[in-house]
Protein backbone atom coordinates (compact mmCIF):
# COMPACT_ATOMS: atom_id res chain seq x y z
CA MET A 1 -24.06 -65.93 28.22
CA LEU A 2 -24.62 -65.39 24.55
CA ILE A 3 -23.70 -62.02 23.11
CA GLN A 4 -26.39 -60.80 20.77
CA PRO A 5 -25.05 -59.35 17.51
CA ARG A 6 -25.75 -55.66 17.04
CA ARG A 7 -28.69 -55.01 14.70
CA ILE A 8 -28.07 -52.86 11.70
CA SER A 9 -31.00 -50.94 10.35
CA PHE A 10 -31.95 -51.63 6.78
CA ALA A 11 -31.95 -47.87 6.10
CA ALA A 12 -28.37 -47.60 7.31
CA VAL A 13 -27.29 -50.44 5.06
CA LEU A 14 -28.99 -48.80 2.09
CA ARG A 15 -27.38 -45.42 2.86
CA ILE A 16 -23.87 -46.85 3.11
CA ALA A 17 -24.28 -49.22 0.18
CA ALA A 18 -25.57 -46.40 -2.03
CA GLY A 19 -22.53 -44.33 -1.23
CA LEU A 20 -20.21 -47.23 -1.97
CA LEU A 21 -21.95 -48.02 -5.24
CA LEU A 22 -21.59 -44.39 -6.28
CA LEU A 23 -17.91 -44.62 -5.43
CA LEU A 24 -17.55 -47.79 -7.53
CA ALA A 25 -19.35 -46.27 -10.49
CA CYS A 26 -17.17 -43.20 -10.40
CA ALA A 27 -13.97 -45.16 -9.89
CA PHE A 28 -14.72 -47.45 -12.85
CA GLY A 29 -15.89 -44.54 -14.99
CA TYR A 30 -12.92 -42.31 -14.24
CA ALA A 31 -10.51 -45.21 -14.67
CA ALA A 32 -11.97 -45.82 -18.11
CA GLN A 33 -11.36 -42.17 -18.94
CA GLY A 34 -7.71 -42.50 -17.98
CA SER A 35 -6.80 -43.69 -21.47
CA ALA A 36 -8.27 -40.46 -22.86
CA GLY A 37 -5.83 -38.36 -20.85
CA HIS A 38 -7.90 -37.84 -17.71
CA ASP A 39 -6.60 -38.34 -14.18
CA PRO A 40 -8.70 -41.20 -12.69
CA GLY A 41 -6.86 -41.24 -9.37
CA ARG A 42 -7.54 -37.62 -8.62
CA ARG A 43 -11.20 -37.80 -9.61
CA ALA A 44 -11.89 -41.02 -7.73
CA GLY A 45 -10.19 -39.48 -4.72
CA ALA A 46 -12.50 -36.48 -4.99
CA VAL A 47 -15.52 -38.80 -4.87
CA VAL A 48 -14.24 -40.55 -1.74
CA ASN A 49 -13.64 -37.22 -0.05
CA ARG A 50 -17.28 -36.38 -0.57
CA LEU A 51 -18.41 -39.72 0.93
CA PRO A 52 -16.91 -39.77 4.43
CA ASP A 53 -19.39 -42.32 5.85
CA TRP A 54 -17.69 -45.36 4.30
CA ARG A 55 -14.48 -44.67 6.23
CA GLU A 56 -16.15 -44.43 9.63
CA ASN A 57 -15.26 -47.17 12.08
CA THR A 58 -18.77 -47.93 13.31
CA ALA A 59 -20.20 -51.47 13.40
CA GLU A 60 -22.62 -50.62 10.60
CA VAL A 61 -19.91 -49.45 8.27
CA ARG A 62 -17.57 -52.34 9.10
CA VAL A 63 -20.18 -54.94 8.13
CA VAL A 64 -21.12 -53.32 4.82
CA ARG A 65 -17.49 -52.54 3.99
CA ARG A 66 -16.50 -56.18 4.60
CA GLU A 67 -19.22 -57.37 2.23
CA LEU A 68 -18.33 -54.95 -0.56
CA GLN A 69 -14.54 -54.84 -0.13
CA PRO A 70 -13.85 -57.19 -3.09
CA LEU A 71 -15.75 -54.83 -5.39
CA ILE A 72 -13.88 -51.79 -4.04
CA ILE A 73 -10.52 -53.47 -4.57
CA ALA A 74 -11.51 -54.47 -8.09
CA ALA A 75 -12.40 -50.88 -8.93
CA MET A 76 -9.23 -49.50 -7.39
CA ALA A 77 -7.10 -52.07 -9.25
CA THR A 78 -7.52 -49.95 -12.36
CA LEU A 79 -5.55 -47.14 -10.66
CA ASP A 80 -1.80 -46.92 -10.12
CA ALA A 81 -0.63 -48.29 -6.75
CA PRO A 82 0.28 -44.99 -4.99
CA ARG A 83 -3.03 -43.38 -5.90
CA ARG A 84 -4.97 -46.51 -4.93
CA GLN A 85 -3.41 -46.61 -1.48
CA GLU A 86 -3.91 -42.88 -1.02
CA ILE A 87 -7.62 -43.19 -1.79
CA LEU A 88 -8.20 -46.26 0.39
CA ASP A 89 -6.31 -44.70 3.31
CA GLY A 90 -8.14 -41.39 2.96
CA LYS A 91 -4.80 -39.58 3.28
CA GLY A 92 -3.86 -36.35 1.57
CA ALA A 93 -0.57 -36.49 -0.30
CA ILE A 94 -0.47 -32.67 -0.47
CA ALA A 95 -0.04 -30.37 2.53
CA VAL A 96 -0.13 -26.58 2.74
CA ILE A 97 2.12 -24.78 5.22
CA TYR A 98 1.07 -21.18 5.78
CA PRO A 99 1.77 -18.36 8.28
CA ASP A 100 -0.46 -18.16 11.33
CA ILE A 101 -0.91 -14.41 10.97
CA GLY A 102 -3.56 -11.73 11.45
CA GLU A 103 -5.55 -9.72 8.94
CA PRO A 104 -5.35 -8.60 6.21
CA TYR A 105 -2.76 -11.27 5.39
CA ARG A 106 -4.84 -14.12 6.81
CA SER A 107 -7.55 -13.51 4.21
CA ILE A 108 -4.96 -13.46 1.42
CA PHE A 109 -3.55 -16.85 2.41
CA SER A 110 -7.08 -18.22 2.92
CA LYS A 111 -7.97 -17.29 -0.65
CA ILE A 112 -4.79 -18.93 -2.00
CA ILE A 113 -5.61 -22.10 -0.02
CA GLU A 114 -9.16 -22.01 -1.40
CA GLY A 115 -7.72 -22.02 -4.91
CA ILE A 116 -5.40 -24.92 -4.03
CA GLN A 117 -8.28 -27.02 -2.68
CA GLU A 118 -10.48 -26.16 -5.65
CA GLN A 119 -7.88 -27.28 -8.19
CA ALA A 120 -6.41 -30.26 -6.35
CA LYS A 121 -9.72 -32.10 -5.81
CA VAL A 122 -8.02 -34.39 -3.30
CA GLN A 123 -7.72 -34.14 0.46
CA ILE A 124 -5.42 -31.26 1.45
CA SER A 125 -3.85 -31.04 4.91
CA THR A 126 -3.17 -27.52 6.22
CA TYR A 127 -0.61 -26.56 8.86
CA PRO A 128 -0.47 -22.99 10.22
CA VAL A 129 3.00 -22.09 11.48
CA GLY A 130 4.28 -19.29 13.68
CA PRO A 131 7.73 -17.75 14.10
CA ASN A 132 8.68 -20.33 16.76
CA SER A 133 7.30 -23.46 15.10
CA ASN A 134 9.48 -26.56 15.47
CA ALA A 135 10.64 -27.74 12.02
CA GLY A 136 11.43 -31.24 13.34
CA ASP A 137 7.95 -31.73 14.77
CA LEU A 138 6.39 -30.47 11.54
CA SER A 139 8.49 -32.83 9.43
CA ALA A 140 7.46 -35.80 11.61
CA GLN A 141 3.78 -34.83 11.27
CA LEU A 142 4.04 -34.65 7.51
CA VAL A 143 5.74 -38.04 7.25
CA ARG A 144 3.10 -39.65 9.49
CA GLY A 145 0.38 -38.11 7.33
CA GLY A 146 1.79 -39.63 4.14
CA VAL A 147 2.51 -36.20 2.64
CA LYS A 148 4.50 -36.30 -0.61
CA VAL A 149 4.39 -32.63 -1.62
CA VAL A 150 4.28 -29.48 0.51
CA ILE A 151 3.04 -26.12 -0.73
CA ALA A 152 4.83 -23.53 1.43
CA LEU A 153 3.18 -20.10 1.55
CA GLY A 154 4.91 -16.91 2.64
CA ARG A 155 8.28 -16.40 4.27
CA GLN A 156 7.26 -18.27 7.42
CA GLY A 157 6.00 -21.21 5.39
CA LEU A 158 9.23 -21.33 3.42
CA LYS A 159 11.31 -21.15 6.60
CA ALA A 160 9.26 -23.91 8.22
CA VAL A 161 9.98 -26.40 5.42
CA SER A 162 13.71 -25.67 5.18
CA GLY A 163 14.54 -28.78 7.24
CA LEU A 164 12.14 -31.25 5.66
CA THR A 165 13.23 -34.71 4.60
CA PRO A 166 14.32 -34.76 0.93
CA GLU A 167 11.55 -37.28 0.14
CA ILE A 168 8.99 -34.48 0.50
CA ALA A 169 8.98 -32.12 -2.50
CA VAL A 170 8.40 -28.39 -1.92
CA VAL A 171 6.37 -25.96 -4.03
CA VAL A 172 6.66 -22.36 -2.82
CA GLY A 173 4.20 -19.49 -3.25
CA GLY A 174 3.15 -16.22 -1.65
CA VAL A 175 6.67 -14.70 -1.62
CA LEU A 176 8.10 -11.90 -3.75
CA SER A 177 11.39 -13.66 -4.42
CA VAL A 178 13.62 -16.50 -3.27
CA PRO A 179 17.43 -16.26 -3.09
CA GLU A 180 18.95 -17.94 -6.13
CA SER A 181 20.90 -20.37 -3.94
CA GLU A 182 17.60 -21.64 -2.47
CA SER A 183 15.46 -21.48 -5.62
CA ARG A 184 17.62 -24.03 -7.43
CA ASN A 185 16.05 -26.78 -5.30
CA LEU A 186 12.50 -25.42 -5.31
CA THR A 187 9.56 -25.09 -7.63
CA GLY A 188 7.26 -22.15 -7.12
CA ILE A 189 5.44 -19.00 -8.17
CA SER A 190 6.37 -15.51 -7.01
CA LEU A 191 3.95 -12.72 -6.08
CA THR A 192 5.79 -10.53 -8.61
CA PRO A 193 3.76 -10.05 -11.81
CA ASP A 194 5.36 -11.33 -15.01
CA PRO A 195 7.04 -8.41 -16.86
CA ALA A 196 5.70 -9.85 -20.12
CA LEU A 197 2.14 -9.11 -18.94
CA LEU A 198 3.06 -5.61 -17.77
CA PHE A 199 4.74 -4.69 -21.05
CA ALA A 200 1.91 -6.16 -23.12
CA LEU A 201 -0.63 -4.00 -21.27
CA LEU A 202 1.61 -0.93 -21.62
CA LYS A 203 1.80 -1.38 -25.39
CA ARG A 204 -1.94 -1.97 -25.63
CA LEU A 205 -2.71 1.25 -23.80
CA LEU A 206 0.15 3.37 -25.18
CA PRO A 207 1.40 1.94 -28.50
CA SER A 208 3.78 4.88 -28.99
CA ILE A 209 5.99 3.91 -26.03
CA LYS A 210 9.43 2.78 -27.19
CA ARG A 211 11.54 2.77 -24.02
CA VAL A 212 11.01 1.62 -20.42
CA THR A 213 13.35 2.58 -17.56
CA VAL A 214 13.58 0.57 -14.35
CA VAL A 215 15.69 1.18 -11.23
CA TYR A 216 16.28 -2.00 -9.22
CA ASP A 217 18.43 -3.67 -6.58
CA PRO A 218 20.19 -6.66 -8.20
CA GLN A 219 20.37 -8.43 -4.85
CA HIS A 220 16.58 -8.83 -4.88
CA ASN A 221 15.48 -8.56 -8.50
CA ASP A 222 18.29 -9.68 -10.77
CA TRP A 223 16.20 -12.74 -11.72
CA LEU A 224 13.25 -10.50 -12.65
CA ILE A 225 15.29 -8.16 -14.84
CA LYS A 226 16.63 -11.13 -16.81
CA LEU A 227 13.03 -12.05 -17.64
CA ALA A 228 12.14 -8.40 -18.30
CA ARG A 229 14.84 -8.02 -20.95
CA GLU A 230 13.37 -10.87 -22.98
CA ALA A 231 9.82 -9.61 -22.43
CA ALA A 232 10.74 -6.08 -23.57
CA LYS A 233 12.39 -7.41 -26.72
CA ALA A 234 9.25 -9.37 -27.57
CA GLN A 235 7.21 -6.14 -27.38
CA GLY A 236 9.70 -4.09 -29.38
CA LEU A 237 10.68 -2.08 -26.30
CA GLU A 238 14.09 -0.90 -25.20
CA LEU A 239 14.60 -1.70 -21.52
CA VAL A 240 16.93 0.69 -19.72
CA THR A 241 18.07 -0.86 -16.43
CA ARG A 242 19.75 1.06 -13.62
CA GLU A 243 21.18 -0.69 -10.54
CA ALA A 244 20.85 0.91 -7.09
CA HIS A 245 21.92 -0.45 -3.71
CA ASP A 246 20.35 2.20 -1.46
CA LEU A 247 17.65 4.89 -1.46
CA ALA A 248 20.04 7.76 -2.12
CA SER A 249 21.43 6.24 -5.29
CA ALA A 250 17.93 5.22 -6.39
CA ALA A 251 16.66 8.82 -6.01
CA HIS A 252 19.60 10.11 -8.06
CA LEU A 253 18.93 7.58 -10.84
CA TYR A 254 15.24 8.52 -11.02
CA ASP A 255 16.17 12.19 -11.33
CA ALA A 256 18.53 11.34 -14.18
CA ALA A 257 15.89 9.22 -15.92
CA PHE A 258 13.27 11.98 -15.83
CA ALA A 259 15.79 14.56 -17.04
CA VAL A 260 16.27 12.78 -20.38
CA ALA A 261 12.81 11.23 -20.79
CA ASP A 262 10.43 12.02 -23.64
CA SER A 263 6.80 11.69 -22.55
CA ARG A 264 5.80 10.60 -26.08
CA GLN A 265 7.92 7.46 -26.06
CA ASP A 266 9.26 6.87 -22.51
CA ALA A 267 7.74 5.19 -19.44
CA ILE A 268 8.96 4.31 -15.93
CA TRP A 269 8.38 0.89 -14.39
CA LEU A 270 8.26 0.55 -10.60
CA PRO A 271 9.03 -3.05 -9.59
CA GLN A 272 8.39 -4.51 -6.14
CA ASP A 273 11.73 -3.53 -4.69
CA ALA A 274 12.14 -2.20 -1.14
CA THR A 275 15.48 -0.58 -1.98
CA THR A 276 14.40 1.41 -5.03
CA VAL A 277 10.65 1.96 -4.56
CA ASP A 278 10.28 3.31 -1.05
CA ASP A 279 6.73 4.59 -0.44
CA GLU A 280 7.86 7.41 1.84
CA THR A 281 10.68 8.89 -0.25
CA ILE A 282 10.93 7.51 -3.80
CA LEU A 283 7.26 7.14 -4.69
CA PRO A 284 6.29 10.80 -3.97
CA LEU A 285 9.33 11.96 -5.95
CA VAL A 286 8.45 9.77 -8.95
CA LEU A 287 4.77 10.73 -8.91
CA LYS A 288 5.54 14.45 -8.73
CA GLU A 289 7.88 14.26 -11.74
CA SER A 290 5.48 12.01 -13.64
CA TRP A 291 2.59 14.45 -13.18
CA SER A 292 4.56 17.58 -14.05
CA ARG A 293 6.12 16.00 -17.19
CA GLY A 294 3.11 13.94 -18.30
CA LEU A 295 5.27 10.82 -18.26
CA PRO A 296 3.53 7.45 -17.78
CA VAL A 297 4.54 5.39 -14.75
CA PHE A 298 3.28 1.82 -14.21
CA SER A 299 3.84 -0.54 -11.32
CA SER A 300 3.89 -4.10 -10.01
CA SER A 301 2.02 -2.95 -6.86
CA PHE A 302 -1.72 -2.38 -6.53
CA LEU A 303 -1.30 0.24 -3.78
CA HIS A 304 0.62 2.52 -6.11
CA VAL A 305 -2.42 2.97 -8.34
CA LYS A 306 -4.36 4.66 -5.54
CA LYS A 307 -1.44 7.01 -5.00
CA GLY A 308 -1.21 8.10 -8.64
CA VAL A 309 0.54 5.47 -10.78
CA MET A 310 -1.25 4.96 -14.11
CA PHE A 311 -1.75 1.19 -13.92
CA ALA A 312 -0.57 -1.91 -12.07
CA LEU A 313 -0.91 -5.66 -12.05
CA TYR A 314 -1.51 -7.50 -8.77
CA PRO A 315 -2.09 -11.11 -7.65
CA ASN A 316 -5.26 -13.04 -8.33
CA ASN A 317 -4.94 -15.07 -5.12
CA LEU A 318 -7.52 -17.69 -6.09
CA GLY A 319 -5.82 -18.21 -9.46
CA LEU A 320 -2.41 -18.37 -7.79
CA GLY A 321 -3.72 -21.15 -5.55
CA ARG A 322 -4.93 -23.11 -8.56
CA ASP A 323 -1.54 -22.80 -10.27
CA LEU A 324 0.28 -23.93 -7.12
CA ALA A 325 -2.01 -26.96 -6.88
CA SER A 326 -1.33 -27.81 -10.52
CA SER A 327 2.41 -27.70 -9.82
CA ALA A 328 1.98 -29.97 -6.79
CA LEU A 329 -0.16 -32.45 -8.73
CA GLY A 330 2.47 -32.48 -11.46
CA VAL A 331 5.10 -33.45 -8.89
CA LEU A 332 2.83 -36.21 -7.55
CA SER A 333 2.30 -37.65 -11.02
CA GLY A 334 6.03 -37.84 -11.64
CA GLU A 335 6.36 -34.95 -14.09
CA SER A 336 9.87 -33.52 -14.39
CA ARG A 337 9.95 -30.33 -12.35
CA LYS A 338 11.09 -26.97 -13.63
CA ARG A 339 13.42 -25.74 -10.90
CA GLY A 340 13.25 -22.15 -9.70
CA VAL A 341 10.55 -19.60 -8.95
CA SER A 342 8.42 -18.29 -11.82
CA PRO A 343 6.79 -14.84 -12.02
CA LEU A 344 3.08 -14.50 -11.35
CA ARG A 345 0.80 -14.90 -14.36
CA GLU A 346 -2.55 -15.11 -12.54
CA VAL A 347 -3.02 -11.36 -12.20
CA LEU A 348 -5.68 -8.70 -11.90
CA THR A 349 -5.44 -5.19 -13.38
CA ALA A 350 -5.91 -1.75 -11.82
CA VAL A 351 -5.96 1.68 -13.48
CA ASN A 352 -6.00 5.29 -12.25
CA LEU A 353 -8.33 7.12 -14.65
CA ARG A 354 -7.35 10.57 -13.40
CA THR A 355 -3.66 9.92 -14.08
CA ALA A 356 -4.41 8.30 -17.45
CA SER A 357 -6.48 11.30 -18.51
CA HIS A 358 -3.75 13.70 -17.36
CA ILE A 359 -1.21 12.14 -19.74
CA GLY A 360 -3.72 12.15 -22.60
CA LEU A 361 -5.08 8.61 -22.37
CA ASN A 362 -8.88 8.66 -22.29
CA LEU A 363 -10.28 5.19 -21.71
CA ASP A 364 -13.80 4.56 -22.99
CA TYR A 365 -16.38 2.48 -21.14
CA GLN A 366 -15.43 -0.79 -22.85
CA GLN A 367 -11.73 -0.27 -22.05
CA GLN A 368 -12.54 0.54 -18.43
CA ARG A 369 -14.51 -2.69 -18.12
CA SER A 370 -11.39 -4.68 -18.99
CA PHE A 371 -9.81 -3.60 -15.68
CA ASP A 372 -10.54 -5.33 -12.38
CA PHE A 373 -10.14 -2.18 -10.29
CA ILE A 374 -10.68 1.44 -11.29
CA PHE A 375 -9.56 4.47 -9.29
CA PRO A 376 -11.21 6.80 -8.48
CA GLU A 377 -14.00 4.31 -7.93
CA PRO A 378 -17.19 5.17 -9.90
């Protein structure tokens, strides 16, 4: 008995061929742009990801793909071998590991992942992990998927990748800090705003400020204070640092700082530090003294603005995702990696108008528009 070959509709052939021809045009065009400094592999990969039909394993696709395969290979020959194979396989070389957690944190991580996908423009694999996730199983999945770089988000994401094979590079994000012993082998971006941005905004709003005092726990924020000293010097500020290892000593140091402060030239900086900026004990004490003395206090935490701090910087989650993707793409392209965790530079700004007015800072409409969040809300 003769087996009749399956008929392929002319419309189907046209649909698939059109997609493939678009792919070829883009691959050749982007490859030609490579000499001008563009990334042809990433852009061609983005085109393929938007044309899923050509990778389907139906009879229609197999016939058309077989006919046009020489042209596809010719186009891909202009790309470097790893990128070419990645595109032809349809595999994502970047994976995102993030905590499988409820709101409001789920939305935060979703926005970071959105930024990663937007910037990467290649297929991204995502893996939610819980407290009891098996690191060995995860590592095997990543290897099977051809993953070369992992973006680990949050503490759970960082914990989940601790046992990965050394061949898979790790970029970390969505954490406040990483112990120095661990950060030496990682590349990443903290959720802690860059002190340089905080001090620049302080000087823009209050040019008369000459001295900033910060109370911190060196176990958590020694790395940040090192950066802050350089940032303060660049702004012509004197940075007075006071170390505290518990709440009692932190409270005593804040009392001492307010006792000698001059509201015309002093300010207090509240870093993200669980030891020295406790919301139940320290924050009310600092806000009370700030209000009674007319002394400006600024923070690295958005929530403090609602409670009475003059201004704060907080994460732009979409922008953070883009920066993490750029770091991952840099690793993929063979760029030398800067080891360690960097402070956050993709930030949004918040201001408390009532507190600003109380210390004599009256922001006009144009100045108010430069902030992303204003409290009390108009």
